[in-house]
Amino acid sequence: MHSFMELARSRRSIRKYLPDPVGSEKLSRLLEAGALAPSGNNTQPWRFIVVQDRSMKERLYKVAGEQSWILEAPVTIAVVGDVSAKVKAPSGTEGKISVDDPKNRTALFKTIRDTTIAADHIVLAAQDEGLGTCWIALFEQQEIRPVLSVPESCYVVALITVGLPAESPKPKPRHRLQEIVFKDKYGLRFEEGGIECPAAKGEKA
C-alpha cells in the first residue's frame, strides 16, 4: 500500500493502455473508494456507470472528443451527479427534477462539487492498484446524457478511463506553493520561510 503523497505525486494521465482486463476485485475497490468520499450532509449524490461494452465505448468516443483511449481502455467509468440527492421535487411535478432548471443551480453546483471528490477517490485508488486513468470532460451534457440514458436529474461530471498503462509519462511542472498559497486572505502571501514550499512534482490534469 502506498502513502497518499506517493499516489498524488506518481499519478499521471494515461492515454495508452494494454488490452488486459481490469479484474473485478480491483474494479470493486475503485468503486468502493468513490463511494467512501465525503459529501455535504452525507447526501452522496454520485452514481457510477461502468462501461465495458465495445459499442457503448464507440458511442462515448463520438460524443467525447473522439479520444482514442476511450476505445483502448478496458473500462470507462462515467461519474454522474444526481441533483435529486440535494433537492426535493416540489409537489405537483410528479417527482421530476431537472439539472437544467435554474432553480436547481445551487444544488447542481453542490452536486458537482461532491461528485468530483468521489471521482478523485477513484483515480487515486486506481493508482494504488497499479492502474492508469485519464479524466475526460470534453463533452456536452445534451450529447452524452442520452448515450448513458441518465435521467434529467443527473449531470455527467467525468468519464474516467481505467486500465493497465502502456506508457509512463514524465511529470509535468507544477506551480510552487509560494504562488498559490495565501495567509488569512486572498493575495496576502506567506513570508519567506513561513512554510516549506518545495517544487511540486506531478502532472497537471
N, C-alpha and C. Protein backbone atom coordinates (compact mmCIF):
# COMPACT_ATOMS: atom_id res chain seq x y z
N MET A 1 0.85 -1.20 0.00
CA MET A 1 0.00 0.00 0.00
C MET A 1 0.88 1.25 0.00
N HIS A 2 0.49 2.24 -0.79
CA HIS A 2 1.28 3.46 -0.90
C HIS A 2 0.70 4.55 0.00
N SER A 3 1.54 5.50 0.36
CA SER A 3 1.04 6.64 1.11
C SER A 3 0.28 7.56 0.17
N PHE A 4 -0.55 8.41 0.72
CA PHE A 4 -1.32 9.33 -0.11
C PHE A 4 -0.40 10.21 -0.94
N MET A 5 0.66 10.74 -0.34
CA MET A 5 1.56 11.63 -1.07
C MET A 5 2.26 10.89 -2.20
N GLU A 6 2.59 9.61 -2.00
CA GLU A 6 3.18 8.83 -3.08
C GLU A 6 2.21 8.70 -4.25
N LEU A 7 0.96 8.47 -3.95
CA LEU A 7 -0.05 8.33 -5.00
C LEU A 7 -0.26 9.65 -5.73
N ALA A 8 -0.35 10.73 -4.96
CA ALA A 8 -0.58 12.04 -5.57
C ALA A 8 0.58 12.45 -6.46
N ARG A 9 1.79 12.12 -6.04
CA ARG A 9 2.97 12.52 -6.81
C ARG A 9 3.20 11.64 -8.04
N SER A 10 2.78 10.40 -7.97
CA SER A 10 3.07 9.47 -9.07
C SER A 10 1.96 9.38 -10.10
N ARG A 11 0.79 9.86 -9.79
CA ARG A 11 -0.33 9.76 -10.74
C ARG A 11 -0.05 10.54 -12.01
N ARG A 12 -0.41 9.94 -13.12
CA ARG A 12 -0.30 10.60 -14.42
C ARG A 12 -1.60 10.37 -15.19
N SER A 13 -1.88 11.22 -16.15
CA SER A 13 -2.99 10.96 -17.07
C SER A 13 -2.49 9.99 -18.13
N ILE A 14 -3.11 8.80 -18.17
CA ILE A 14 -2.68 7.75 -19.08
C ILE A 14 -3.61 7.70 -20.29
N ARG A 15 -2.99 7.79 -21.47
CA ARG A 15 -3.76 7.80 -22.71
C ARG A 15 -3.42 6.62 -23.63
N LYS A 16 -2.62 5.68 -23.11
CA LYS A 16 -2.32 4.45 -23.84
C LYS A 16 -2.44 3.29 -22.86
N TYR A 17 -3.20 2.26 -23.27
CA TYR A 17 -3.49 1.16 -22.36
C TYR A 17 -3.17 -0.19 -22.98
N LEU A 18 -2.81 -1.14 -22.11
CA LEU A 18 -2.68 -2.52 -22.52
C LEU A 18 -4.08 -3.13 -22.62
N PRO A 19 -4.25 -4.17 -23.43
CA PRO A 19 -5.59 -4.75 -23.60
C PRO A 19 -6.03 -5.62 -22.43
N ASP A 20 -5.17 -5.86 -21.45
CA ASP A 20 -5.51 -6.72 -20.32
C ASP A 20 -6.75 -6.21 -19.60
N PRO A 21 -7.66 -7.11 -19.21
CA PRO A 21 -8.86 -6.68 -18.48
C PRO A 21 -8.54 -6.22 -17.07
N VAL A 22 -9.42 -5.41 -16.53
CA VAL A 22 -9.32 -4.99 -15.13
C VAL A 22 -10.10 -5.99 -14.29
N GLY A 23 -9.44 -6.62 -13.34
CA GLY A 23 -10.10 -7.63 -12.52
C GLY A 23 -11.28 -7.06 -11.74
N SER A 24 -12.28 -7.90 -11.52
CA SER A 24 -13.49 -7.45 -10.84
C SER A 24 -13.22 -6.99 -9.41
N GLU A 25 -12.26 -7.63 -8.74
CA GLU A 25 -11.95 -7.22 -7.36
C GLU A 25 -11.33 -5.83 -7.34
N LYS A 26 -10.41 -5.59 -8.26
CA LYS A 26 -9.80 -4.26 -8.34
C LYS A 26 -10.86 -3.21 -8.67
N LEU A 27 -11.71 -3.53 -9.64
CA LEU A 27 -12.75 -2.58 -10.04
C LEU A 27 -13.69 -2.28 -8.87
N SER A 28 -14.01 -3.30 -8.10
CA SER A 28 -14.88 -3.11 -6.94
C SER A 28 -14.23 -2.18 -5.92
N ARG A 29 -12.92 -2.32 -5.73
CA ARG A 29 -12.23 -1.46 -4.77
C ARG A 29 -12.21 -0.01 -5.25
N LEU A 30 -12.09 0.20 -6.55
CA LEU A 30 -12.14 1.56 -7.09
C LEU A 30 -13.50 2.19 -6.82
N LEU A 31 -14.55 1.43 -7.08
CA LEU A 31 -15.90 1.95 -6.88
C LEU A 31 -16.20 2.19 -5.40
N GLU A 32 -15.68 1.30 -4.55
CA GLU A 32 -15.86 1.49 -3.11
C GLU A 32 -15.17 2.76 -2.65
N ALA A 33 -13.97 3.01 -3.20
CA ALA A 33 -13.24 4.23 -2.84
C ALA A 33 -14.06 5.46 -3.22
N GLY A 34 -14.69 5.43 -4.38
CA GLY A 34 -15.53 6.55 -4.78
C GLY A 34 -16.71 6.72 -3.84
N ALA A 35 -17.31 5.61 -3.45
CA ALA A 35 -18.48 5.66 -2.57
C ALA A 35 -18.14 6.13 -1.17
N LEU A 36 -16.86 6.05 -0.79
CA LEU A 36 -16.43 6.47 0.55
C LEU A 36 -16.12 7.97 0.63
N ALA A 37 -16.27 8.68 -0.47
CA ALA A 37 -15.96 10.12 -0.49
C ALA A 37 -16.90 10.89 0.44
N PRO A 38 -16.44 12.02 0.96
CA PRO A 38 -17.31 12.87 1.77
C PRO A 38 -18.27 13.66 0.90
N SER A 39 -19.39 14.04 1.47
CA SER A 39 -20.36 14.87 0.74
C SER A 39 -21.14 15.73 1.72
N GLY A 40 -21.63 16.86 1.24
CA GLY A 40 -22.41 17.75 2.10
C GLY A 40 -23.64 17.07 2.65
N ASN A 41 -23.80 17.08 3.97
CA ASN A 41 -24.94 16.45 4.65
C ASN A 41 -25.06 14.96 4.33
N ASN A 42 -23.94 14.36 3.93
CA ASN A 42 -23.91 12.93 3.60
C ASN A 42 -24.95 12.55 2.54
N THR A 43 -25.15 13.45 1.59
CA THR A 43 -26.15 13.19 0.55
C THR A 43 -25.69 12.18 -0.49
N GLN A 44 -24.37 12.01 -0.65
CA GLN A 44 -23.82 11.01 -1.55
C GLN A 44 -24.48 11.06 -2.94
N PRO A 45 -24.34 12.15 -3.67
CA PRO A 45 -25.07 12.32 -4.92
C PRO A 45 -24.47 11.59 -6.13
N TRP A 46 -23.34 10.91 -5.94
CA TRP A 46 -22.66 10.28 -7.07
C TRP A 46 -23.34 8.98 -7.50
N ARG A 47 -23.24 8.73 -8.80
CA ARG A 47 -23.68 7.48 -9.39
C ARG A 47 -22.59 7.06 -10.38
N PHE A 48 -22.28 5.78 -10.44
CA PHE A 48 -21.19 5.31 -11.29
C PHE A 48 -21.73 4.35 -12.35
N ILE A 49 -21.37 4.61 -13.60
CA ILE A 49 -21.75 3.72 -14.70
C ILE A 49 -20.48 3.09 -15.24
N VAL A 50 -20.36 1.78 -15.12
CA VAL A 50 -19.18 1.06 -15.58
C VAL A 50 -19.42 0.62 -17.03
N VAL A 51 -18.62 1.16 -17.93
CA VAL A 51 -18.79 0.88 -19.36
C VAL A 51 -17.67 -0.04 -19.83
N GLN A 52 -18.05 -1.21 -20.32
CA GLN A 52 -17.09 -2.17 -20.88
C GLN A 52 -17.49 -2.64 -22.27
N ASP A 53 -18.74 -2.44 -22.62
CA ASP A 53 -19.25 -2.85 -23.92
C ASP A 53 -18.63 -2.02 -25.04
N ARG A 54 -18.16 -2.70 -26.08
CA ARG A 54 -17.47 -2.01 -27.18
C ARG A 54 -18.36 -1.00 -27.87
N SER A 55 -19.60 -1.35 -28.13
CA SER A 55 -20.49 -0.42 -28.83
C SER A 55 -20.77 0.82 -28.00
N MET A 56 -20.85 0.66 -26.67
CA MET A 56 -21.04 1.82 -25.80
C MET A 56 -19.80 2.70 -25.79
N LYS A 57 -18.62 2.08 -25.80
CA LYS A 57 -17.38 2.86 -25.87
C LYS A 57 -17.33 3.69 -27.15
N GLU A 58 -17.78 3.09 -28.24
CA GLU A 58 -17.77 3.80 -29.52
C GLU A 58 -18.71 5.00 -29.49
N ARG A 59 -19.83 4.85 -28.83
CA ARG A 59 -20.77 5.97 -28.71
C ARG A 59 -20.19 7.08 -27.84
N LEU A 60 -19.53 6.68 -26.75
CA LEU A 60 -18.89 7.68 -25.89
C LEU A 60 -17.75 8.38 -26.64
N TYR A 61 -17.00 7.61 -27.39
CA TYR A 61 -15.90 8.15 -28.19
C TYR A 61 -16.40 9.27 -29.11
N LYS A 62 -17.54 9.06 -29.72
CA LYS A 62 -18.07 10.03 -30.68
C LYS A 62 -18.51 11.34 -30.01
N VAL A 63 -19.02 11.25 -28.78
CA VAL A 63 -19.53 12.46 -28.11
C VAL A 63 -18.52 13.09 -27.16
N ALA A 64 -17.37 12.43 -26.97
CA ALA A 64 -16.37 12.93 -26.01
C ALA A 64 -15.05 13.23 -26.71
N GLY A 65 -15.11 13.94 -27.81
CA GLY A 65 -13.91 14.44 -28.45
C GLY A 65 -13.15 13.44 -29.29
N GLU A 66 -13.73 12.27 -29.54
CA GLU A 66 -13.07 11.23 -30.34
C GLU A 66 -11.65 10.96 -29.85
N GLN A 67 -11.54 10.78 -28.54
CA GLN A 67 -10.25 10.50 -27.92
C GLN A 67 -10.03 8.98 -27.92
N SER A 68 -8.97 8.54 -28.57
CA SER A 68 -8.77 7.12 -28.87
C SER A 68 -8.69 6.24 -27.62
N TRP A 69 -8.21 6.78 -26.52
CA TRP A 69 -8.04 5.95 -25.32
C TRP A 69 -9.38 5.53 -24.71
N ILE A 70 -10.47 6.17 -25.12
CA ILE A 70 -11.79 5.70 -24.69
C ILE A 70 -12.04 4.31 -25.28
N LEU A 71 -11.57 4.09 -26.48
CA LEU A 71 -11.73 2.79 -27.13
C LEU A 71 -10.70 1.78 -26.65
N GLU A 72 -9.51 2.24 -26.30
CA GLU A 72 -8.43 1.34 -25.91
C GLU A 72 -8.55 0.83 -24.48
N ALA A 73 -8.99 1.69 -23.57
CA ALA A 73 -9.06 1.30 -22.16
C ALA A 73 -10.12 0.21 -21.97
N PRO A 74 -9.81 -0.82 -21.18
CA PRO A 74 -10.79 -1.89 -20.98
C PRO A 74 -12.04 -1.45 -20.22
N VAL A 75 -11.91 -0.39 -19.43
CA VAL A 75 -13.05 0.09 -18.64
C VAL A 75 -13.10 1.62 -18.71
N THR A 76 -14.30 2.14 -18.81
CA THR A 76 -14.53 3.57 -18.60
C THR A 76 -15.62 3.72 -17.56
N ILE A 77 -15.35 4.53 -16.55
CA ILE A 77 -16.34 4.79 -15.50
C ILE A 77 -16.92 6.18 -15.72
N ALA A 78 -18.21 6.24 -15.97
CA ALA A 78 -18.89 7.53 -16.06
C ALA A 78 -19.32 7.92 -14.65
N VAL A 79 -18.82 9.06 -14.19
CA VAL A 79 -19.13 9.55 -12.85
C VAL A 79 -20.23 10.61 -12.98
N VAL A 80 -21.37 10.31 -12.40
CA VAL A 80 -22.58 11.10 -12.61
C VAL A 80 -23.08 11.65 -11.28
N GLY A 81 -23.49 12.91 -11.28
CA GLY A 81 -24.06 13.51 -10.09
C GLY A 81 -25.57 13.62 -10.20
N ASP A 82 -26.28 13.21 -9.18
CA ASP A 82 -27.75 13.24 -9.19
C ASP A 82 -28.24 14.37 -8.28
N VAL A 83 -28.78 15.41 -8.89
CA VAL A 83 -29.25 16.58 -8.14
C VAL A 83 -30.39 16.23 -7.19
N SER A 84 -31.12 15.18 -7.51
CA SER A 84 -32.25 14.81 -6.64
C SER A 84 -31.79 14.40 -5.25
N ALA A 85 -30.50 14.14 -5.08
CA ALA A 85 -29.97 13.86 -3.75
C ALA A 85 -29.88 15.12 -2.91
N LYS A 86 -29.93 16.27 -3.58
CA LYS A 86 -29.76 17.55 -2.90
C LYS A 86 -31.07 18.31 -2.72
N VAL A 87 -32.05 18.06 -3.59
CA VAL A 87 -33.30 18.81 -3.52
C VAL A 87 -34.48 17.85 -3.60
N LYS A 88 -35.59 18.29 -3.06
CA LYS A 88 -36.82 17.52 -3.14
C LYS A 88 -37.69 18.09 -4.25
N ALA A 89 -38.34 17.22 -4.97
CA ALA A 89 -39.22 17.68 -6.04
C ALA A 89 -40.42 18.40 -5.45
N PRO A 90 -40.75 19.58 -5.98
CA PRO A 90 -41.93 20.29 -5.49
C PRO A 90 -43.21 19.51 -5.79
N SER A 91 -44.19 19.71 -4.97
CA SER A 91 -45.45 19.00 -5.15
C SER A 91 -46.06 19.33 -6.51
N GLY A 92 -46.71 18.34 -7.10
CA GLY A 92 -47.36 18.56 -8.39
C GLY A 92 -46.47 18.38 -9.59
N THR A 93 -45.20 17.97 -9.39
CA THR A 93 -44.28 17.82 -10.52
C THR A 93 -44.01 16.35 -10.84
N GLU A 94 -44.74 15.45 -10.21
CA GLU A 94 -44.58 14.02 -10.43
C GLU A 94 -43.15 13.56 -10.14
N GLY A 95 -42.52 14.24 -9.20
CA GLY A 95 -41.19 13.83 -8.77
C GLY A 95 -40.07 14.16 -9.73
N LYS A 96 -40.33 14.98 -10.74
CA LYS A 96 -39.30 15.29 -11.72
C LYS A 96 -38.42 16.45 -11.26
N ILE A 97 -37.13 16.25 -11.33
CA ILE A 97 -36.16 17.28 -11.01
C ILE A 97 -35.19 17.36 -12.18
N SER A 98 -34.90 18.56 -12.64
CA SER A 98 -34.04 18.72 -13.79
C SER A 98 -32.81 19.55 -13.44
N VAL A 99 -31.65 19.10 -13.94
CA VAL A 99 -30.43 19.88 -13.74
C VAL A 99 -30.47 21.16 -14.56
N ASP A 100 -31.36 21.23 -15.53
CA ASP A 100 -31.46 22.41 -16.38
C ASP A 100 -32.37 23.48 -15.81
N ASP A 101 -33.06 23.17 -14.73
CA ASP A 101 -33.95 24.14 -14.08
C ASP A 101 -33.10 25.17 -13.32
N PRO A 102 -33.22 26.45 -13.64
CA PRO A 102 -32.44 27.49 -12.94
C PRO A 102 -32.61 27.45 -11.42
N LYS A 103 -33.75 26.97 -10.96
CA LYS A 103 -33.99 26.91 -9.53
C LYS A 103 -33.04 25.92 -8.83
N ASN A 104 -32.51 24.99 -9.61
CA ASN A 104 -31.62 23.97 -9.04
C ASN A 104 -30.15 24.31 -9.25
N ARG A 105 -29.86 25.53 -9.60
CA ARG A 105 -28.50 25.94 -9.91
C ARG A 105 -27.54 25.70 -8.74
N THR A 106 -27.92 26.15 -7.56
CA THR A 106 -27.06 25.97 -6.38
C THR A 106 -26.90 24.50 -6.05
N ALA A 107 -28.00 23.75 -6.13
CA ALA A 107 -27.94 22.31 -5.85
C ALA A 107 -27.05 21.61 -6.86
N LEU A 108 -27.07 22.06 -8.11
CA LEU A 108 -26.22 21.47 -9.13
C LEU A 108 -24.76 21.71 -8.82
N PHE A 109 -24.41 22.92 -8.42
CA PHE A 109 -23.03 23.22 -8.06
C PHE A 109 -22.56 22.31 -6.92
N LYS A 110 -23.41 22.15 -5.92
CA LYS A 110 -23.05 21.30 -4.77
C LYS A 110 -22.92 19.85 -5.19
N THR A 111 -23.79 19.41 -6.09
CA THR A 111 -23.74 18.04 -6.58
C THR A 111 -22.44 17.78 -7.34
N ILE A 112 -22.06 18.72 -8.21
CA ILE A 112 -20.82 18.59 -8.97
C ILE A 112 -19.63 18.58 -8.02
N ARG A 113 -19.65 19.46 -7.03
CA ARG A 113 -18.55 19.53 -6.05
C ARG A 113 -18.36 18.18 -5.38
N ASP A 114 -19.42 17.61 -4.85
CA ASP A 114 -19.31 16.36 -4.11
C ASP A 114 -18.93 15.20 -5.03
N THR A 115 -19.53 15.16 -6.21
CA THR A 115 -19.26 14.07 -7.13
C THR A 115 -17.82 14.10 -7.64
N THR A 116 -17.27 15.30 -7.76
CA THR A 116 -15.87 15.42 -8.18
C THR A 116 -14.94 14.81 -7.14
N ILE A 117 -15.27 14.95 -5.87
CA ILE A 117 -14.45 14.32 -4.82
C ILE A 117 -14.45 12.82 -4.99
N ALA A 118 -15.63 12.25 -5.28
CA ALA A 118 -15.73 10.80 -5.49
C ALA A 118 -14.89 10.36 -6.68
N ALA A 119 -14.92 11.16 -7.75
CA ALA A 119 -14.14 10.83 -8.95
C ALA A 119 -12.65 10.81 -8.63
N ASP A 120 -12.19 11.77 -7.84
CA ASP A 120 -10.76 11.81 -7.49
C ASP A 120 -10.38 10.62 -6.61
N HIS A 121 -11.29 10.20 -5.75
CA HIS A 121 -11.03 9.00 -4.95
C HIS A 121 -10.79 7.80 -5.87
N ILE A 122 -11.59 7.69 -6.92
CA ILE A 122 -11.45 6.57 -7.87
C ILE A 122 -10.09 6.63 -8.55
N VAL A 123 -9.69 7.82 -8.98
CA VAL A 123 -8.43 7.99 -9.69
C VAL A 123 -7.24 7.58 -8.80
N LEU A 124 -7.26 8.02 -7.56
CA LEU A 124 -6.14 7.70 -6.66
C LEU A 124 -6.17 6.24 -6.23
N ALA A 125 -7.36 5.67 -6.09
CA ALA A 125 -7.46 4.24 -5.77
C ALA A 125 -6.91 3.40 -6.93
N ALA A 126 -7.17 3.84 -8.15
CA ALA A 126 -6.63 3.14 -9.32
C ALA A 126 -5.11 3.18 -9.32
N GLN A 127 -4.57 4.33 -8.97
CA GLN A 127 -3.10 4.46 -8.89
C GLN A 127 -2.53 3.48 -7.88
N ASP A 128 -3.22 3.31 -6.77
CA ASP A 128 -2.78 2.39 -5.73
C ASP A 128 -2.83 0.94 -6.20
N GLU A 129 -3.74 0.66 -7.16
CA GLU A 129 -3.89 -0.69 -7.70
C GLU A 129 -2.96 -0.95 -8.87
N GLY A 130 -2.13 0.03 -9.23
CA GLY A 130 -1.24 -0.14 -10.37
C GLY A 130 -1.93 0.08 -11.70
N LEU A 131 -3.08 0.73 -11.68
CA LEU A 131 -3.84 1.01 -12.89
C LEU A 131 -3.66 2.46 -13.32
N GLY A 132 -3.79 2.70 -14.60
CA GLY A 132 -3.74 4.05 -15.12
C GLY A 132 -5.14 4.59 -15.35
N THR A 133 -5.28 5.90 -15.30
CA THR A 133 -6.57 6.54 -15.54
C THR A 133 -6.38 7.83 -16.33
N CYS A 134 -7.44 8.25 -16.94
CA CYS A 134 -7.46 9.58 -17.55
C CYS A 134 -8.84 10.19 -17.33
N TRP A 135 -8.83 11.38 -16.81
CA TRP A 135 -10.06 12.12 -16.53
C TRP A 135 -10.48 12.84 -17.81
N ILE A 136 -11.70 12.58 -18.28
CA ILE A 136 -12.20 13.17 -19.51
C ILE A 136 -13.46 13.98 -19.23
N ALA A 137 -13.47 15.21 -19.71
CA ALA A 137 -14.66 16.06 -19.56
C ALA A 137 -14.95 16.84 -20.84
N LEU A 138 -14.41 16.35 -21.95
CA LEU A 138 -14.61 17.02 -23.24
C LEU A 138 -15.90 16.51 -23.88
N PHE A 139 -17.02 16.96 -23.34
CA PHE A 139 -18.32 16.56 -23.88
C PHE A 139 -19.37 17.57 -23.46
N GLU A 140 -20.48 17.55 -24.16
CA GLU A 140 -21.63 18.41 -23.83
C GLU A 140 -22.71 17.54 -23.20
N GLN A 141 -23.37 18.09 -22.20
CA GLN A 141 -24.38 17.31 -21.49
C GLN A 141 -25.50 16.82 -22.41
N GLN A 142 -25.94 17.67 -23.32
CA GLN A 142 -27.05 17.29 -24.19
C GLN A 142 -26.69 16.15 -25.14
N GLU A 143 -25.39 15.90 -25.31
CA GLU A 143 -24.95 14.81 -26.18
C GLU A 143 -24.64 13.53 -25.40
N ILE A 144 -24.03 13.67 -24.24
CA ILE A 144 -23.60 12.47 -23.51
C ILE A 144 -24.70 11.88 -22.64
N ARG A 145 -25.60 12.70 -22.14
CA ARG A 145 -26.65 12.17 -21.27
C ARG A 145 -27.52 11.14 -21.98
N PRO A 146 -27.94 11.38 -23.23
CA PRO A 146 -28.73 10.34 -23.91
C PRO A 146 -27.96 9.04 -24.13
N VAL A 147 -26.66 9.15 -24.39
CA VAL A 147 -25.85 7.95 -24.61
C VAL A 147 -25.88 7.07 -23.37
N LEU A 148 -25.76 7.67 -22.20
CA LEU A 148 -25.71 6.93 -20.94
C LEU A 148 -27.09 6.71 -20.33
N SER A 149 -28.12 7.23 -20.99
CA SER A 149 -29.51 7.07 -20.51
C SER A 149 -29.70 7.61 -19.10
N VAL A 150 -28.98 8.68 -18.76
CA VAL A 150 -29.15 9.24 -17.43
C VAL A 150 -30.41 10.11 -17.39
N PRO A 151 -31.12 10.11 -16.29
CA PRO A 151 -32.34 10.93 -16.18
C PRO A 151 -32.02 12.41 -16.14
N GLU A 152 -33.04 13.24 -16.27
CA GLU A 152 -32.84 14.67 -16.33
C GLU A 152 -32.36 15.26 -15.01
N SER A 153 -32.42 14.47 -13.96
CA SER A 153 -31.92 14.95 -12.66
C SER A 153 -30.41 14.77 -12.53
N CYS A 154 -29.78 14.18 -13.55
CA CYS A 154 -28.36 13.83 -13.45
C CYS A 154 -27.48 14.67 -14.37
N TYR A 155 -26.26 14.87 -13.92
CA TYR A 155 -25.24 15.63 -14.66
C TYR A 155 -23.99 14.77 -14.75
N VAL A 156 -23.50 14.54 -15.95
CA VAL A 156 -22.31 13.73 -16.14
C VAL A 156 -21.09 14.60 -15.82
N VAL A 157 -20.39 14.28 -14.75
CA VAL A 157 -19.25 15.07 -14.29
C VAL A 157 -17.98 14.70 -15.05
N ALA A 158 -17.74 13.41 -15.24
CA ALA A 158 -16.50 12.99 -15.89
C ALA A 158 -16.61 11.57 -16.40
N LEU A 159 -15.79 11.27 -17.40
CA LEU A 159 -15.51 9.90 -17.79
C LEU A 159 -14.10 9.61 -17.32
N ILE A 160 -13.89 8.44 -16.72
CA ILE A 160 -12.56 8.04 -16.27
C ILE A 160 -12.20 6.73 -16.94
N THR A 161 -11.23 6.78 -17.85
CA THR A 161 -10.74 5.55 -18.45
C THR A 161 -9.82 4.84 -17.47
N VAL A 162 -9.91 3.50 -17.46
CA VAL A 162 -9.16 2.71 -16.48
C VAL A 162 -8.54 1.49 -17.16
N GLY A 163 -7.28 1.22 -16.86
CA GLY A 163 -6.64 0.03 -17.38
C GLY A 163 -5.17 0.01 -17.04
N LEU A 164 -4.50 -1.05 -17.41
CA LEU A 164 -3.06 -1.14 -17.20
C LEU A 164 -2.36 -0.18 -18.17
N PRO A 165 -1.51 0.68 -17.67
CA PRO A 165 -0.88 1.68 -18.54
C PRO A 165 0.12 1.07 -19.52
N ALA A 166 0.13 1.63 -20.74
CA ALA A 166 1.09 1.21 -21.75
C ALA A 166 2.06 2.35 -22.04
N GLU A 167 2.16 3.27 -21.10
CA GLU A 167 3.08 4.39 -21.22
C GLU A 167 3.45 4.87 -19.82
N SER A 168 4.55 5.61 -19.74
CA SER A 168 4.99 6.18 -18.46
C SER A 168 5.31 7.65 -18.67
N PRO A 169 4.31 8.50 -18.71
CA PRO A 169 4.55 9.93 -18.95
C PRO A 169 5.42 10.55 -17.86
N LYS A 170 6.25 11.48 -18.27
CA LYS A 170 7.07 12.20 -17.31
C LYS A 170 6.22 13.20 -16.54
N PRO A 171 6.62 13.54 -15.31
CA PRO A 171 5.85 14.54 -14.55
C PRO A 171 5.91 15.90 -15.22
N LYS A 172 4.83 16.63 -15.13
CA LYS A 172 4.78 17.97 -15.69
C LYS A 172 4.99 18.99 -14.57
N PRO A 173 5.43 20.19 -14.90
CA PRO A 173 5.70 21.18 -13.86
C PRO A 173 4.45 21.60 -13.11
N ARG A 174 4.62 21.89 -11.87
CA ARG A 174 3.51 22.35 -11.03
C ARG A 174 3.85 23.75 -10.51
N HIS A 175 2.82 24.49 -10.14
CA HIS A 175 3.05 25.79 -9.52
C HIS A 175 3.72 25.59 -8.16
N ARG A 176 4.64 26.44 -7.82
CA ARG A 176 5.23 26.40 -6.49
C ARG A 176 4.21 26.91 -5.48
N LEU A 177 4.31 26.42 -4.25
CA LEU A 177 3.35 26.81 -3.23
C LEU A 177 3.36 28.31 -2.98
N GLN A 178 4.53 28.95 -3.15
CA GLN A 178 4.58 30.40 -2.95
C GLN A 178 3.62 31.15 -3.89
N GLU A 179 3.31 30.54 -5.01
CA GLU A 179 2.45 31.19 -6.00
C GLU A 179 0.97 30.99 -5.72
N ILE A 180 0.62 29.96 -4.96
CA ILE A 180 -0.80 29.61 -4.84
C ILE A 180 -1.31 29.58 -3.40
N VAL A 181 -0.42 29.76 -2.42
CA VAL A 181 -0.83 29.71 -1.01
C VAL A 181 -0.83 31.12 -0.43
N PHE A 182 -1.94 31.48 0.21
CA PHE A 182 -2.06 32.80 0.84
C PHE A 182 -2.28 32.66 2.34
N LYS A 183 -2.04 33.73 3.05
CA LYS A 183 -2.20 33.72 4.50
C LYS A 183 -3.39 34.58 4.91
N ASP A 184 -4.36 33.97 5.53
CA ASP A 184 -5.53 34.64 6.10
C ASP A 184 -6.52 35.16 5.07
N LYS A 185 -6.05 35.71 3.96
CA LYS A 185 -6.97 36.20 2.93
C LYS A 185 -6.27 36.17 1.57
N TYR A 186 -7.08 36.16 0.53
CA TYR A 186 -6.54 36.03 -0.83
C TYR A 186 -5.58 37.18 -1.14
N GLY A 187 -4.42 36.83 -1.68
CA GLY A 187 -3.46 37.83 -2.10
C GLY A 187 -2.36 38.13 -1.09
N LEU A 188 -2.58 37.76 0.17
CA LEU A 188 -1.57 38.00 1.20
C LEU A 188 -0.71 36.75 1.32
N ARG A 189 0.49 36.82 0.79
CA ARG A 189 1.34 35.64 0.73
C ARG A 189 2.10 35.42 2.04
N PHE A 190 2.43 34.16 2.29
CA PHE A 190 3.27 33.83 3.43
C PHE A 190 4.64 34.45 3.23
N GLU A 191 5.21 34.95 4.31
CA GLU A 191 6.55 35.49 4.22
C GLU A 191 7.53 34.36 3.94
N GLU A 192 8.64 34.70 3.38
CA GLU A 192 9.66 33.71 3.07
C GLU A 192 10.04 32.94 4.33
N GLY A 193 9.99 31.62 4.25
CA GLY A 193 10.33 30.80 5.40
C GLY A 193 9.13 30.50 6.28
N GLY A 194 7.96 31.07 5.97
CA GLY A 194 6.79 30.81 6.79
C GLY A 194 6.29 29.38 6.67
N ILE A 195 6.38 28.82 5.47
CA ILE A 195 6.04 27.43 5.24
C ILE A 195 7.05 26.87 4.24
N GLU A 196 7.18 25.57 4.24
CA GLU A 196 8.06 24.94 3.27
C GLU A 196 7.36 24.90 1.92
N CYS A 197 8.02 25.36 0.88
CA CYS A 197 7.42 25.42 -0.44
C CYS A 197 8.32 24.74 -1.46
N PRO A 198 8.46 23.43 -1.39
CA PRO A 198 9.30 22.75 -2.39
C PRO A 198 8.63 22.76 -3.74
N ALA A 199 9.42 22.61 -4.78
CA ALA A 199 8.85 22.48 -6.11
C ALA A 199 8.05 21.21 -6.17
N ALA A 200 6.78 21.33 -6.51
CA ALA A 200 5.90 20.16 -6.53
C ALA A 200 6.19 19.31 -7.75
N LYS A 201 5.95 18.02 -7.60
CA LYS A 201 6.15 17.10 -8.70
C LYS A 201 4.81 16.48 -9.07
N GLY A 202 4.66 16.15 -10.31
CA GLY A 202 3.41 15.52 -10.73
C GLY A 202 2.93 16.10 -12.03
N GLU A 203 1.69 15.85 -12.34
CA GLU A 203 1.17 16.23 -13.64
C GLU A 203 -0.09 17.06 -13.49
N LYS A 204 -0.20 18.05 -14.34
CA LYS A 204 -1.46 18.79 -14.39
C LYS A 204 -2.51 17.90 -15.02
N ALA A 205 -3.75 18.08 -14.59
CA ALA A 205 -4.82 17.23 -15.09
C ALA A 205 -4.99 17.41 -16.58
